[in-house]
Amino acid sequence: MKVIVSGGGTGGHIYPALALIREIQKQETNTEVLYIGSEKGLESDIVKRAGIPFRAIEISGFKRKLSFDNVKTVARFLKGVSKSKKYIKEFKPDVVIGTGGYVCGPVVYAASKLGVPTVIHEQNSVPGLTNKFLSKYVDKVAVCFEQAEAFFPSEKVVMTGNPRASEVLNQDGVKGKNDVGLSLNKKSVLIVGGSRGARPINDALLSVIKEAGQKPYEFLYVTGDVHYERVVKQLEEAGAQGNVVVKPFLHNMPEVLSGVDLIVARAGATTLSEITALGLPSILVPSPYVTNNHQEKNARALSDNDAATLCLEADLTGERLLESIDEILLNEQKLKDMRAASKKLGMPNAATVLYELLKNLTK
């Protein structure tokens, strides 16, 4: 199979694309892949480091209000379509998939106009402008949340889940806990705000760190690189106890997720796909700074099904955070019920389902 993959801007668009590529290569060892992204985007570095052939186009997003910048965006889009057609004609793919972000707009549109089978993958419960636009032209729309189905033509929608979910399975949770310094005989909660951290979550925990030190469970507190030194200093001043383990970043997140009992996190689509694949209970603090408030809607897909506790950032305090953790980790029945509810929402074979969708389009 020859596949062109496009997606960029954030890790939430890039990492599912890489997970899908790995699944296709596992299924078909003679697979050829070309990734089309933006030279200025995160994908340029991440995809190249993964050893995947990469081509670039220049693109920017539309402003949601009238702006001269939108005229420039239209010009870049048309230029991107022209360049994408050139790449497509040279590579001759069997299928093209866009995993989100502005960059996949010209690529997938160009493929559809050239008669190449096309798919878009929507990770969130509320799609962005690019995927809404592309849904008119593609053959299939792969979604991860039932809530997203209403935004697309019903005859095109296929529930596949997020390919990243497949990559957290069969991990060694014991090794994960050992590697970060957690005990094997105590329950643990992972508190993380993304690769750069989330200051409101950090500040909430810091405000009750003495009380946290008295709990019978352990905290793995991932601050994000930019907050790490400040947080460590504040913890030292507060006299943090030994049940609080602090890290700036986790390089072995799948292993750690497999070992902990609860996670406090934002509500990005990739995170939710991973934790539901594992059946991990969560306390979700959605970022209010995202398009269409999609993280809150993502989070409600779990909290409405008793798989997560939802706490809006405006309502987040240290006291409420500790109370929510206690309610889950100190109540065996609630912990068991939330695990089952989370697992029920998971799609651990998502990468395989998405691969089969692409394969069927090439027949």
Foldseek 3Di string as FASTA:
>chain_A
DEEEEEEFQDPLQQVLRVLLVVVLCVVPVPYAYEYEYACPTPCVVVVVVVVHHYDYADADDDDPDDDPVVVVRVVSLVVLLVVLLVVCVVRVGQEYEYRYDGNCQSNQVSCLVVVHAYEYEALFLDDDPSCLVCLVRHQAYEYAFPSNCVSHDVVRYDDQHGSLQQVLPPAALVVLCVVQPHDQPFAEEEEAEPQQADVLSLVQCLVCQVVVQPDRHAYEYAHHQVCQVVSVVSCVVVVGHPRYGYHPGDPPVSNNLLHHQEYEYEQRSSVLQNCLCNLHAYEYAHDCPDPPSRRVVSVCSLVVQLLYHYDYSVRRHNVVVVVVVCVQRVDVVSSVVNSVSSPVSYDNCSSVSVSVVSVVSSD
